[in-house]
């Protein structure tokens, strides 16, 4: 009977450690994700390309605005 209890406690402690490790990994990833270089800010040209792709502006307007930005 005592052997069964000890196994249950060991399993419980193991789960606690796994949960703590997962929590630390999630917190570190979130902290690094906010300043990550993989996530770049959208530039004006990116937004212009998106508008052109959605059909909000025509080719002539796209080219004119692109020239205005110095691209």
PDB file of N, CA and C in Angstrom:
ATOM      1  N   UNK A   1       0.814  -1.188   0.000  1.00  0.00           N
ATOM      2  CA  UNK A   1       0.000   0.000   0.000  1.00  0.00           C
ATOM      3  C   UNK A   1       0.865   1.262   0.000  1.00  0.00           C
ATOM      4  N   UNK A   2       1.892   1.296   0.820  1.00  0.00           N
ATOM      5  CA  UNK A   2       2.736   2.478   0.869  1.00  0.00           C
ATOM      6  C   UNK A   2       3.504   2.672  -0.435  1.00  0.00           C
ATOM      7  N   UNK A   3       3.851   1.591  -1.083  1.00  0.00           N
ATOM      8  CA  UNK A   3       4.559   1.698  -2.365  1.00  0.00           C
ATOM      9  C   UNK A   3       3.698   2.389  -3.409  1.00  0.00           C
ATOM     10  N   UNK A   4       2.418   2.085  -3.398  1.00  0.00           N
ATOM     11  CA  UNK A   4       1.491   2.720  -4.338  1.00  0.00           C
ATOM     12  C   UNK A   4       1.388   4.226  -4.069  1.00  0.00           C
ATOM     13  N   UNK A   5       1.343   4.609  -2.821  1.00  0.00           N
ATOM     14  CA  UNK A   5       1.254   6.025  -2.470  1.00  0.00           C
ATOM     15  C   UNK A   5       2.511   6.774  -2.894  1.00  0.00           C
ATOM     16  N   UNK A   6       3.639   6.165  -2.676  1.00  0.00           N
ATOM     17  CA  UNK A   6       4.887   6.822  -3.058  1.00  0.00           C
ATOM     18  C   UNK A   6       4.965   6.997  -4.565  1.00  0.00           C
ATOM     19  N   UNK A   7       4.504   6.007  -5.328  1.00  0.00           N
ATOM     20  CA  UNK A   7       4.507   6.136  -6.782  1.00  0.00           C
ATOM     21  C   UNK A   7       3.582   7.273  -7.212  1.00  0.00           C
ATOM     22  N   UNK A   8       2.443   7.391  -6.559  1.00  0.00           N
ATOM     23  CA  UNK A   8       1.496   8.462  -6.887  1.00  0.00           C
ATOM     24  C   UNK A   8       2.069   9.830  -6.581  1.00  0.00           C
ATOM     25  N   UNK A   9       2.778   9.937  -5.474  1.00  0.00           N
ATOM     26  CA  UNK A   9       3.391  11.217  -5.116  1.00  0.00           C
ATOM     27  C   UNK A   9       4.515  11.552  -6.079  1.00  0.00           C
ATOM     28  N   UNK A  10       5.279  10.554  -6.455  1.00  0.00           N
ATOM     29  CA  UNK A  10       6.360  10.778  -7.420  1.00  0.00           C
ATOM     30  C   UNK A  10       5.811  11.237  -8.754  1.00  0.00           C
ATOM     31  N   UNK A  11       4.724  10.634  -9.179  1.00  0.00           N
ATOM     32  CA  UNK A  11       4.085  11.032 -10.427  1.00  0.00           C
ATOM     33  C   UNK A  11       3.559  12.465 -10.318  1.00  0.00           C
ATOM     34  N   UNK A  12       2.963  12.783  -9.182  1.00  0.00           N
ATOM     35  CA  UNK A  12       2.452  14.141  -8.960  1.00  0.00           C
ATOM     36  C   UNK A  12       3.565  15.176  -8.994  1.00  0.00           C
ATOM     37  N   UNK A  13       4.670  14.874  -8.344  1.00  0.00           N
ATOM     38  CA  UNK A  13       5.806  15.812  -8.349  1.00  0.00           C
ATOM     39  C   UNK A  13       6.393  15.937  -9.750  1.00  0.00           C
ATOM     40  N   UNK A  14       6.421  14.828 -10.466  1.00  0.00           N
ATOM     41  CA  UNK A  14       6.910  14.866 -11.849  1.00  0.00           C
ATOM     42  C   UNK A  14       6.045  15.777 -12.705  1.00  0.00           C
ATOM     43  N   UNK A  15       4.745  15.674 -12.525  1.00  0.00           N
ATOM     44  CA  UNK A  15       3.831  16.536 -13.279  1.00  0.00           C
ATOM     45  C   UNK A  15       3.999  18.005 -12.894  1.00  0.00           C
ATOM     46  N   UNK A  16       4.263  18.263 -11.622  1.00  0.00           N
ATOM     47  CA  UNK A  16       4.502  19.640 -11.178  1.00  0.00           C
ATOM     48  C   UNK A  16       5.748  20.197 -11.865  1.00  0.00           C
ATOM     49  N   UNK A  17       6.810  19.401 -11.918  1.00  0.00           N
ATOM     50  CA  UNK A  17       8.042  19.857 -12.566  1.00  0.00           C
ATOM     51  C   UNK A  17       7.827  20.092 -14.069  1.00  0.00           C
ATOM     52  N   UNK A  18       7.107  19.190 -14.711  1.00  0.00           N
ATOM     53  CA  UNK A  18       6.828  19.356 -16.144  1.00  0.00           C
ATOM     54  C   UNK A  18       6.030  20.631 -16.367  1.00  0.00           C
ATOM     55  N   UNK A  19       5.024  20.871 -15.532  1.00  0.00           N
ATOM     56  CA  UNK A  19       4.213  22.085 -15.659  1.00  0.00           C
ATOM     57  C   UNK A  19       5.060  23.337 -15.461  1.00  0.00           C
ATOM     58  N   UNK A  20       5.958  23.314 -14.495  1.00  0.00           N
ATOM     59  CA  UNK A  20       6.834  24.476 -14.263  1.00  0.00           C
ATOM     60  C   UNK A  20       7.756  24.726 -15.447  1.00  0.00           C
ATOM     61  N   UNK A  21       8.302  23.665 -16.008  1.00  0.00           N
ATOM     62  CA  UNK A  21       9.207  23.816 -17.163  1.00  0.00           C
ATOM     63  C   UNK A  21       8.437  24.375 -18.357  1.00  0.00           C
ATOM     64  N   UNK A  22       7.245  23.844 -18.602  1.00  0.00           N
ATOM     65  CA  UNK A  22       6.428  24.354 -19.706  1.00  0.00           C
ATOM     66  C   UNK A  22       6.097  25.831 -19.484  1.00  0.00           C
ATOM     67  N   UNK A  23       5.763  26.194 -18.259  1.00  0.00           N
ATOM     68  CA  UNK A  23       5.459  27.589 -17.945  1.00  0.00           C
ATOM     69  C   UNK A  23       6.648  28.502 -18.228  1.00  0.00           C
ATOM     70  N   UNK A  24       7.830  28.080 -17.820  1.00  0.00           N
ATOM     71  CA  UNK A  24       9.040  28.875 -18.058  1.00  0.00           C
ATOM     72  C   UNK A  24       9.288  29.027 -19.554  1.00  0.00           C
ATOM     73  N   UNK A  25       9.133  27.945 -20.312  1.00  0.00           N
ATOM     74  CA  UNK A  25       9.351  28.014 -21.762  1.00  0.00           C
ATOM     75  C   UNK A  25       8.358  28.983 -22.409  1.00  0.00           C
ATOM     76  N   UNK A  26       7.104  28.912 -22.007  1.00  0.00           N
ATOM     77  CA  UNK A  26       6.089  29.810 -22.576  1.00  0.00           C
ATOM     78  C   UNK A  26       6.399  31.265 -22.243  1.00  0.00           C
ATOM     79  N   UNK A  27       6.766  31.546 -21.018  1.00  0.00           N
ATOM     80  CA  UNK A  27       7.075  32.918 -20.609  1.00  0.00           C
ATOM     81  C   UNK A  27       8.287  33.451 -21.383  1.00  0.00           C
ATOM     82  N   UNK A  28       9.312  32.629 -21.530  1.00  0.00           N
ATOM     83  CA  UNK A  28      10.509  33.059 -22.264  1.00  0.00           C
ATOM     84  C   UNK A  28      10.168  33.320 -23.726  1.00  0.00           C
ATOM     85  N   UNK A  29       9.382  32.448 -24.341  1.00  0.00           N
ATOM     86  CA  UNK A  29       9.007  32.660 -25.745  1.00  0.00           C
ATOM     87  C   UNK A  29       8.191  33.923 -25.921  1.00  0.00           C
ATOM     88  N   UNK A  30       7.275  34.181 -25.018  1.00  0.00           N
ATOM     89  CA  UNK A  30       6.485  35.402 -25.111  1.00  0.00           C
ATOM     90  C   UNK A  30       7.353  36.643 -24.939  1.00  0.00           C
ATOM     91  N   UNK A  31       8.282  36.580 -24.010  1.00  0.00           N
ATOM     92  CA  UNK A  31       9.169  37.720 -23.765  1.00  0.00           C
ATOM     93  C   UNK A  31      10.063  37.981 -24.972  1.00  0.00           C
ATOM     94  N   UNK A  32      10.554  36.943 -25.589  1.00  0.00           N
ATOM     95  CA  UNK A  32      11.440  37.099 -26.744  1.00  0.00           C
ATOM     96  C   UNK A  32      10.653  37.466 -27.990  1.00  0.00           C
ATOM     97  N   UNK A  33       9.419  37.030 -28.071  1.00  0.00           N
ATOM     98  CA  UNK A  33       8.609  37.290 -29.253  1.00  0.00           C
ATOM     99  C   UNK A  33       8.286  38.753 -29.441  1.00  0.00           C
ATOM    100  N   UNK A  34       8.178  39.498 -28.351  1.00  0.00           N
ATOM    101  CA  UNK A  34       7.813  40.904 -28.471  1.00  0.00           C
ATOM    102  C   UNK A  34       8.918  41.740 -29.097  1.00  0.00           C
ATOM    103  N   UNK A  35      10.164  41.330 -28.956  1.00  0.00           N
ATOM    104  CA  UNK A  35      11.267  42.079 -29.544  1.00  0.00           C
ATOM    105  C   UNK A  35      11.982  41.308 -30.627  1.00  0.00           C
ATOM    106  N   UNK A  36      11.354  40.274 -31.117  1.00  0.00           N
ATOM    107  CA  UNK A  36      11.987  39.393 -32.090  1.00  0.00           C
ATOM    108  C   UNK A  36      12.165  40.079 -33.435  1.00  0.00           C
ATOM    109  N   UNK A  37      13.279  39.804 -34.090  1.00  0.00           N
ATOM    110  CA  UNK A  37      13.514  40.373 -35.411  1.00  0.00           C
ATOM    111  C   UNK A  37      12.720  39.631 -36.475  1.00  0.00           C
ATOM    112  N   UNK A  38      12.189  38.452 -36.134  1.00  0.00           N
ATOM    113  CA  UNK A  38      11.383  37.708 -37.097  1.00  0.00           C
ATOM    114  C   UNK A  38      10.088  38.454 -37.389  1.00  0.00           C
ATOM    115  N   UNK A  39       9.695  39.285 -36.485  1.00  0.00           N
ATOM    116  CA  UNK A  39       8.463  40.049 -36.636  1.00  0.00           C
ATOM    117  C   UNK A  39       8.834  41.484 -36.962  1.00  0.00           C
ATOM    118  N   UNK A  40       8.792  41.833 -38.241  1.00  0.00           N
ATOM    119  CA  UNK A  40       9.205  43.180 -38.614  1.00  0.00           C
ATOM    120  C   UNK A  40       7.993  44.078 -38.759  1.00  0.00           C
ATOM    121  N   UNK A  41       8.231  45.352 -38.629  1.00  0.00           N
ATOM    122  CA  UNK A  41       7.140  46.308 -38.758  1.00  0.00           C
ATOM    123  C   UNK A  41       6.801  46.499 -40.227  1.00  0.00           C
ATOM    124  N   UNK A  42       5.542  46.740 -40.481  1.00  0.00           N
ATOM    125  CA  UNK A  42       5.111  46.989 -41.855  1.00  0.00           C
ATOM    126  C   UNK A  42       5.549  48.381 -42.275  1.00  0.00           C
ATOM    127  N   UNK A  43       6.103  48.463 -43.454  1.00  0.00           N
ATOM    128  CA  UNK A  43       6.515  49.757 -43.987  1.00  0.00           C
ATOM    129  C   UNK A  43       5.371  50.338 -44.811  1.00  0.00           C
ATOM    130  N   UNK A  44       5.533  51.580 -45.201  1.00  0.00           N
ATOM    131  CA  UNK A  44       4.533  52.235 -46.039  1.00  0.00           C
ATOM    132  C   UNK A  44       4.410  51.499 -47.376  1.00  0.00           C
ATOM    133  N   UNK A  45       5.530  51.023 -47.893  1.00  0.00           N
ATOM    134  CA  UNK A  45       5.497  50.286 -49.160  1.00  0.00           C
ATOM    135  C   UNK A  45       4.735  48.974 -49.005  1.00  0.00           C
ATOM    136  N   UNK A  46       4.914  48.301 -47.872  1.00  0.00           N
ATOM    137  CA  UNK A  46       4.159  47.070 -47.612  1.00  0.00           C
ATOM    138  C   UNK A  46       2.660  47.342 -47.645  1.00  0.00           C
ATOM    139  N   UNK A  47       2.252  48.420 -46.978  1.00  0.00           N
ATOM    140  CA  UNK A  47       0.829  48.761 -46.936  1.00  0.00           C
ATOM    141  C   UNK A  47       0.318  49.139 -48.329  1.00  0.00           C
ATOM    142  N   UNK A  48       1.140  49.846 -49.086  1.00  0.00           N
ATOM    143  CA  UNK A  48       0.757  50.223 -50.446  1.00  0.00           C
ATOM    144  C   UNK A  48       0.587  48.976 -51.317  1.00  0.00           C
ATOM    145  N   UNK A  49       1.502  48.038 -51.186  1.00  0.00           N
ATOM    146  CA  UNK A  49       1.400  46.785 -51.952  1.00  0.00           C
ATOM    147  C   UNK A  49       0.142  46.011 -51.582  1.00  0.00           C
ATOM    148  N   UNK A  50      -0.202  46.022 -50.304  1.00  0.00           N
ATOM    149  CA  UNK A  50      -1.414  45.333 -49.863  1.00  0.00           C
ATOM    150  C   UNK A  50      -2.660  45.983 -50.458  1.00  0.00           C
ATOM    151  N   UNK A  51      -2.689  47.311 -50.473  1.00  0.00           N
ATOM    152  CA  UNK A  51      -3.838  48.014 -51.055  1.00  0.00           C
ATOM    153  C   UNK A  51      -3.956  47.702 -52.538  1.00  0.00           C
ATOM    154  N   UNK A  52      -2.829  47.652 -53.238  1.00  0.00           N
ATOM    155  CA  UNK A  52      -2.832  47.334 -54.667  1.00  0.00           C
ATOM    156  C   UNK A  52      -3.302  45.891 -54.878  1.00  0.00           C
ATOM    157  N   UNK A  53      -2.830  44.990 -54.049  1.00  0.00           N
ATOM    158  CA  UNK A  53      -3.210  43.581 -54.171  1.00  0.00           C
ATOM    159  C   UNK A  53      -4.707  43.383 -53.912  1.00  0.00           C
ATOM    160  N   UNK A  54      -5.282  44.159 -53.004  1.00  0.00           N
ATOM    161  CA  UNK A  54      -6.716  44.050 -52.709  1.00  0.00           C
ATOM    162  C   UNK A  54      -7.578  44.750 -53.759  1.00  0.00           C
ATOM    163  N   UNK A  55      -6.938  45.511 -54.639  1.00  0.00           N
ATOM    164  CA  UNK A  55      -7.688  46.211 -55.684  1.00  0.00           C
ATOM    165  C   UNK A  55      -8.234  47.552 -55.240  1.00  0.00           C
ATOM    166  N   UNK A  56      -7.765  48.051 -54.113  1.00  0.00           N
ATOM    167  CA  UNK A  56      -8.241  49.344 -53.623  1.00  0.00           C
ATOM    168  C   UNK A  56      -7.708  50.494 -54.464  1.00  0.00           C
ATOM    169  N   UNK A  57      -6.536  50.313 -55.055  1.00  0.00           N
ATOM    170  CA  UNK A  57      -5.943  51.327 -55.924  1.00  0.00           C
ATOM    171  C   UNK A  57      -5.505  50.640 -57.218  1.00  0.00           C
ATOM    172  N   UNK A  58      -5.454  51.435 -58.270  1.00  0.00           N
ATOM    173  CA  UNK A  58      -5.041  50.911 -59.569  1.00  0.00           C
ATOM    174  C   UNK A  58      -3.530  50.976 -59.745  1.00  0.00           C
ATOM    175  N   UNK A  59      -3.081  50.456 -60.876  1.00  0.00           N
ATOM    176  CA  UNK A  59      -1.644  50.397 -61.158  1.00  0.00           C
ATOM    177  C   UNK A  59      -1.022  51.792 -61.234  1.00  0.00           C
ATOM    178  N   UNK A  60      -1.700  52.703 -61.904  1.00  0.00           N
ATOM    179  CA  UNK A  60      -1.150  54.061 -62.042  1.00  0.00           C
ATOM    180  C   UNK A  60      -0.986  54.732 -60.688  1.00  0.00           C
ATOM    181  N   UNK A  61      -2.018  54.627 -59.843  1.00  0.00           N
ATOM    182  CA  UNK A  61      -1.932  55.231 -58.514  1.00  0.00           C
ATOM    183  C   UNK A  61      -0.841  54.555 -57.674  1.00  0.00           C
ATOM    184  N   UNK A  62      -0.734  53.222 -57.805  1.00  0.00           N
ATOM    185  CA  UNK A  62       0.307  52.488 -57.092  1.00  0.00           C
ATOM    186  C   UNK A  62       1.690  52.986 -57.487  1.00  0.00           C
ATOM    187  N   UNK A  63       1.921  53.076 -58.809  1.00  0.00           N
ATOM    188  CA  UNK A  63       3.235  53.514 -59.304  1.00  0.00           C
ATOM    189  C   UNK A  63       3.530  54.953 -58.864  1.00  0.00           C
ATOM    190  N   UNK A  64       2.516  55.825 -58.908  1.00  0.00           N
ATOM    191  CA  UNK A  64       2.715  57.216 -58.511  1.00  0.00           C
ATOM    192  C   UNK A  64       3.078  57.311 -57.030  1.00  0.00           C
ATOM    193  N   UNK A  65       2.337  56.618 -56.192  1.00  0.00           N
ATOM    194  CA  UNK A  65       2.612  56.663 -54.747  1.00  0.00           C
ATOM    195  C   UNK A  65       3.974  56.043 -54.439  1.00  0.00           C
ATOM    196  N   UNK A  66       4.327  55.017 -55.171  1.00  0.00           N
ATOM    197  CA  UNK A  66       5.635  54.371 -54.986  1.00  0.00           C
ATOM    198  C   UNK A  66       6.757  55.361 -55.333  1.00  0.00           C
ATOM    199  N   UNK A  67       6.574  56.099 -56.432  1.00  0.00           N
ATOM    200  CA  UNK A  67       7.569  57.123 -56.803  1.00  0.00           C
ATOM    201  C   UNK A  67       7.637  58.225 -55.748  1.00  0.00           C
ATOM    202  N   UNK A  68       6.466  58.613 -55.228  1.00  0.00           N
ATOM    203  CA  UNK A  68       6.412  59.655 -54.196  1.00  0.00           C
ATOM    204  C   UNK A  68       7.188  59.247 -52.946  1.00  0.00           C
ATOM    205  N   UNK A  69       7.216  57.950 -52.670  1.00  0.00           N
ATOM    206  CA  UNK A  69       7.942  57.463 -51.494  1.00  0.00           C
ATOM    207  C   UNK A  69       9.433  57.308 -51.773  1.00  0.00           C
ATOM    208  N   UNK A  70       9.823  57.469 -53.025  1.00  0.00           N
ATOM    209  CA  UNK A  70      11.240  57.348 -53.357  1.00  0.00           C
ATOM    210  C   UNK A  70      11.674  55.914 -53.623  1.00  0.00           C
ATOM    211  N   UNK A  71      10.748  55.071 -53.902  1.00  0.00           N
ATOM    212  CA  UNK A  71      11.069  53.661 -54.166  1.00  0.00           C
ATOM    213  C   UNK A  71      11.295  53.440 -55.634  1.00  0.00           C
TER     214      UNK A  71
END
